[in-house]
Amino acid sequence: MNPYSWINFASLILSMLLFTIFYGISLMPATRSEKIGERAWKESKTLRIVASVFEFLFTINIVLWHWYPIPEIDWEIFSTHWWIGLIICSVIFIPGLIIVIKGVSDAGSETLTPSEENKMYGGIYKHIRHPQTTGEMPMFVALAFAINSWFLVLFTLVFIIIYTPLIMYFEEKDLVKKFGDDYRQYQKETGAFFPRLRRLKVK
């Protein structure tokens, strides 16, 4: 057994956990400001940068699995036509990347530097509340298909299933604290990850 395989596996787990923890804390400046004051807003930027570092490491660990897998759980998806995984990756990854870019663009500075003065933003956010998460999370699964690993596909899916509602809960709890009834109304009118189909009122 290559020792680097276990190092990569341990790093995969650790970077995933630290990314989730640091990013989760960064999403609660309004809540944390009640205890530590204005410093909470400034710390959110630092916490998001740290979270981004661990997210990058998590992505690198997924890619390194191609060269440093653990044989006992290294189940190939396509034994011969490996290129099918690349096609699936492209079909998932490219739309996800477009949504992420649009979400970051419409959120502006709030993506990295949350502020008490920032207002609720428009653009793609008029249609879905969490476009960056909507686009970003499936990209991990896309990479898993490119690596041709059932283990990584299952691992990233479990990660998304746990991470997404957890992060959404803490972020929206903080946004309600920040924007109050305006955000509660926004929650009712706008889907979290997919546009909400509104029924046409028959006059």
Protein backbone atom coordinates (compact mmCIF):
# COMPACT_ATOMS: atom_id res chain seq x y z
CA MET A 1 0.00 0.00 0.00
CA ASN A 2 1.39 3.36 -1.03
CA PRO A 3 1.57 5.56 2.12
CA TYR A 4 0.71 8.61 -0.02
CA SER A 5 -2.70 7.06 -0.67
CA TRP A 6 -3.55 7.16 3.02
CA ILE A 7 -2.12 10.65 3.38
CA ASN A 8 -4.29 11.84 0.50
CA PHE A 9 -7.34 10.06 1.96
CA ALA A 10 -6.79 11.64 5.39
CA SER A 11 -6.30 15.04 3.78
CA LEU A 12 -9.50 14.54 1.77
CA ILE A 13 -11.53 13.99 4.94
CA LEU A 14 -9.82 16.72 6.96
CA SER A 15 -10.00 19.39 4.26
CA MET A 16 -13.69 18.62 3.71
CA LEU A 17 -14.45 19.04 7.42
CA LEU A 18 -12.38 22.21 7.84
CA PHE A 19 -13.86 23.76 4.70
CA THR A 20 -17.37 23.14 6.06
CA ILE A 21 -16.56 24.46 9.53
CA PHE A 22 -14.75 27.64 8.49
CA TYR A 23 -17.23 28.48 5.75
CA GLY A 24 -20.19 27.78 8.02
CA ILE A 25 -18.84 30.16 10.68
CA SER A 26 -18.15 32.82 8.04
CA LEU A 27 -21.83 32.83 7.09
CA MET A 28 -22.98 34.07 10.50
CA PRO A 29 -21.57 37.59 10.96
CA ALA A 30 -24.88 39.07 12.14
CA THR A 31 -25.27 36.35 14.76
CA ARG A 32 -21.66 36.50 15.91
CA SER A 33 -21.71 40.32 16.05
CA GLU A 34 -24.16 40.10 18.94
CA LYS A 35 -21.36 38.55 21.00
CA ILE A 36 -18.15 40.07 19.64
CA GLY A 37 -19.38 43.21 17.91
CA GLU A 38 -18.14 44.73 14.64
CA ARG A 39 -15.16 42.36 14.58
CA ALA A 40 -17.46 39.54 13.42
CA TRP A 41 -17.98 41.19 10.04
CA LYS A 42 -14.25 41.68 9.48
CA GLU A 43 -13.49 38.11 10.54
CA SER A 44 -15.96 36.71 8.02
CA LYS A 45 -13.66 37.68 5.14
CA THR A 46 -10.69 35.96 6.77
CA LEU A 47 -12.76 32.88 7.53
CA ARG A 48 -13.94 32.67 3.91
CA ILE A 49 -10.38 32.91 2.63
CA VAL A 50 -9.32 30.11 4.97
CA ALA A 51 -12.35 28.06 3.89
CA SER A 52 -11.41 28.62 0.23
CA VAL A 53 -7.91 27.26 0.91
CA PHE A 54 -9.37 24.07 2.39
CA GLU A 55 -11.88 23.80 -0.45
CA PHE A 56 -8.99 24.04 -2.93
CA LEU A 57 -7.10 21.35 -1.01
CA PHE A 58 -10.25 19.18 -0.99
CA THR A 59 -10.45 19.54 -4.79
CA ILE A 60 -6.76 18.68 -5.18
CA ASN A 61 -7.24 15.56 -3.03
CA ILE A 62 -10.07 14.44 -5.32
CA VAL A 63 -7.82 14.85 -8.37
CA LEU A 64 -4.87 13.11 -6.66
CA TRP A 65 -7.08 10.06 -6.08
CA HIS A 66 -6.38 9.20 -9.73
CA TRP A 67 -2.73 8.52 -8.84
CA TYR A 68 -3.08 7.65 -5.14
CA PRO A 69 -6.26 5.62 -4.63
CA ILE A 70 -6.89 3.13 -1.84
CA PRO A 71 -7.16 -0.17 -3.79
CA GLU A 72 -9.79 -1.70 -1.48
CA ILE A 73 -12.31 1.03 -2.32
CA ASP A 74 -11.07 2.08 -5.74
CA TRP A 75 -14.06 0.94 -7.80
CA GLU A 76 -13.94 1.96 -11.44
CA ILE A 77 -17.11 3.29 -13.04
CA PHE A 78 -16.08 2.53 -16.62
CA SER A 79 -13.47 -0.20 -16.96
CA THR A 80 -12.81 0.39 -20.67
CA HIS A 81 -14.64 3.47 -21.90
CA TRP A 82 -13.13 5.82 -19.31
CA TRP A 83 -13.77 8.81 -21.57
CA ILE A 84 -17.50 8.54 -20.81
CA GLY A 85 -16.66 9.88 -17.35
CA LEU A 86 -15.07 12.95 -18.93
CA ILE A 87 -18.24 13.58 -20.95
CA ILE A 88 -20.41 13.28 -17.83
CA CYS A 89 -18.00 15.59 -16.03
CA SER A 90 -18.31 18.22 -18.76
CA VAL A 91 -22.11 18.01 -18.82
CA ILE A 92 -22.24 18.68 -15.05
CA PHE A 93 -19.20 20.91 -14.60
CA ILE A 94 -19.71 23.52 -17.32
CA PRO A 95 -23.30 24.55 -16.39
CA GLY A 96 -22.28 24.53 -12.73
CA LEU A 97 -19.35 26.83 -13.44
CA ILE A 98 -21.58 29.24 -15.37
CA ILE A 99 -24.05 29.40 -12.46
CA VAL A 100 -21.23 29.99 -9.96
CA ILE A 101 -19.75 32.81 -12.04
CA LYS A 102 -23.17 34.43 -12.39
CA GLY A 103 -23.82 34.09 -8.66
CA VAL A 104 -20.45 35.60 -7.72
CA SER A 105 -20.95 38.43 -10.20
CA ASP A 106 -24.42 39.31 -8.88
CA ALA A 107 -23.38 39.04 -5.22
CA GLY A 108 -20.38 41.32 -5.82
CA SER A 109 -18.24 42.08 -2.79
CA GLU A 110 -20.66 40.18 -0.53
CA THR A 111 -19.20 36.92 -1.86
CA LEU A 112 -16.01 37.50 0.08
CA THR A 113 -16.67 40.52 2.30
CA PRO A 114 -20.07 40.54 4.01
CA SER A 115 -21.12 43.92 5.39
CA GLU A 116 -23.93 45.30 7.49
CA GLU A 117 -24.49 47.94 4.81
CA ASN A 118 -24.92 45.52 1.91
CA LYS A 119 -28.45 45.18 0.61
CA MET A 120 -30.22 42.09 -0.74
CA TYR A 121 -28.99 41.63 -4.30
CA GLY A 122 -30.75 40.82 -7.56
CA GLY A 123 -29.76 39.15 -10.80
CA ILE A 124 -29.83 35.37 -10.53
CA TYR A 125 -30.77 35.77 -6.86
CA LYS A 126 -34.23 36.85 -7.97
CA HIS A 127 -34.76 33.28 -9.15
CA ILE A 128 -32.82 31.12 -6.65
CA ARG A 129 -31.56 31.94 -3.17
CA HIS A 130 -28.30 29.96 -3.33
CA PRO A 131 -26.94 29.99 -6.90
CA GLN A 132 -23.30 29.59 -5.85
CA THR A 133 -24.08 26.43 -3.91
CA THR A 134 -26.36 25.20 -6.69
CA GLY A 135 -23.57 25.48 -9.24
CA GLU A 136 -20.59 24.60 -7.06
CA MET A 137 -21.62 21.42 -5.25
CA PRO A 138 -22.34 19.27 -8.36
CA MET A 139 -18.89 20.20 -9.67
CA PHE A 140 -17.33 17.93 -7.04
CA VAL A 141 -19.41 15.01 -8.35
CA ALA A 142 -18.37 15.98 -11.88
CA LEU A 143 -14.71 15.67 -10.90
CA ALA A 144 -15.41 12.28 -9.34
CA PHE A 145 -16.77 11.04 -12.68
CA ALA A 146 -13.69 12.42 -14.45
CA ILE A 147 -11.49 10.44 -12.02
CA ASN A 148 -13.63 7.37 -12.85
CA SER A 149 -14.20 6.44 -9.21
CA TRP A 150 -17.45 5.15 -7.70
CA PHE A 151 -16.02 5.82 -4.25
CA LEU A 152 -15.51 9.51 -5.02
CA VAL A 153 -18.95 9.80 -6.60
CA LEU A 154 -20.58 8.34 -3.48
CA PHE A 155 -18.31 10.32 -1.17
CA THR A 156 -19.06 13.67 -2.83
CA LEU A 157 -22.78 12.91 -2.99
CA VAL A 158 -22.89 12.16 0.74
CA PHE A 159 -20.90 15.33 1.37
CA ILE A 160 -23.38 17.41 -0.66
CA ILE A 161 -26.41 15.82 1.02
CA ILE A 162 -25.04 16.71 4.47
CA TYR A 163 -23.29 20.00 3.65
CA THR A 164 -25.99 21.74 1.60
CA PRO A 165 -28.94 21.81 4.06
CA LEU A 166 -26.56 22.44 6.97
CA ILE A 167 -24.94 25.48 5.35
CA MET A 168 -28.29 26.76 4.07
CA TYR A 169 -29.79 26.58 7.58
CA PHE A 170 -27.04 28.63 9.23
CA GLU A 171 -26.73 31.13 6.36
CA GLU A 172 -30.45 31.82 6.12
CA LYS A 173 -30.82 32.03 9.88
CA ASP A 174 -28.21 34.79 9.82
CA LEU A 175 -29.78 36.53 6.82
CA VAL A 176 -33.15 36.61 8.58
CA LYS A 177 -31.41 38.25 11.52
CA LYS A 178 -29.84 40.79 9.14
CA PHE A 179 -32.75 41.57 6.81
CA GLY A 180 -35.74 40.56 8.94
CA ASP A 181 -39.15 40.27 7.29
CA ASP A 182 -37.77 41.21 3.87
CA TYR A 183 -35.77 38.00 3.81
CA ARG A 184 -38.64 35.93 5.18
CA GLN A 185 -40.79 37.14 2.29
CA TYR A 186 -37.93 36.41 -0.11
CA GLN A 187 -37.80 32.83 1.21
CA LYS A 188 -41.50 32.39 0.51
CA GLU A 189 -41.28 33.72 -3.03
CA THR A 190 -37.94 32.27 -4.20
CA GLY A 191 -36.72 28.68 -4.43
CA ALA A 192 -33.56 27.70 -2.58
CA PHE A 193 -31.79 25.89 -5.43
CA PHE A 194 -34.28 25.84 -8.29
CA PRO A 195 -36.65 28.53 -9.60
CA ARG A 196 -40.06 28.27 -7.98
CA LEU A 197 -42.85 27.70 -10.44
CA ARG A 198 -45.60 30.16 -9.71
CA ARG A 199 -49.12 29.16 -10.58
CA LEU A 200 -50.89 31.62 -12.82
CA LYS A 201 -53.85 33.13 -11.07
CA VAL A 202 -57.02 32.67 -12.99
CA LYS A 203 -58.96 35.92 -13.02
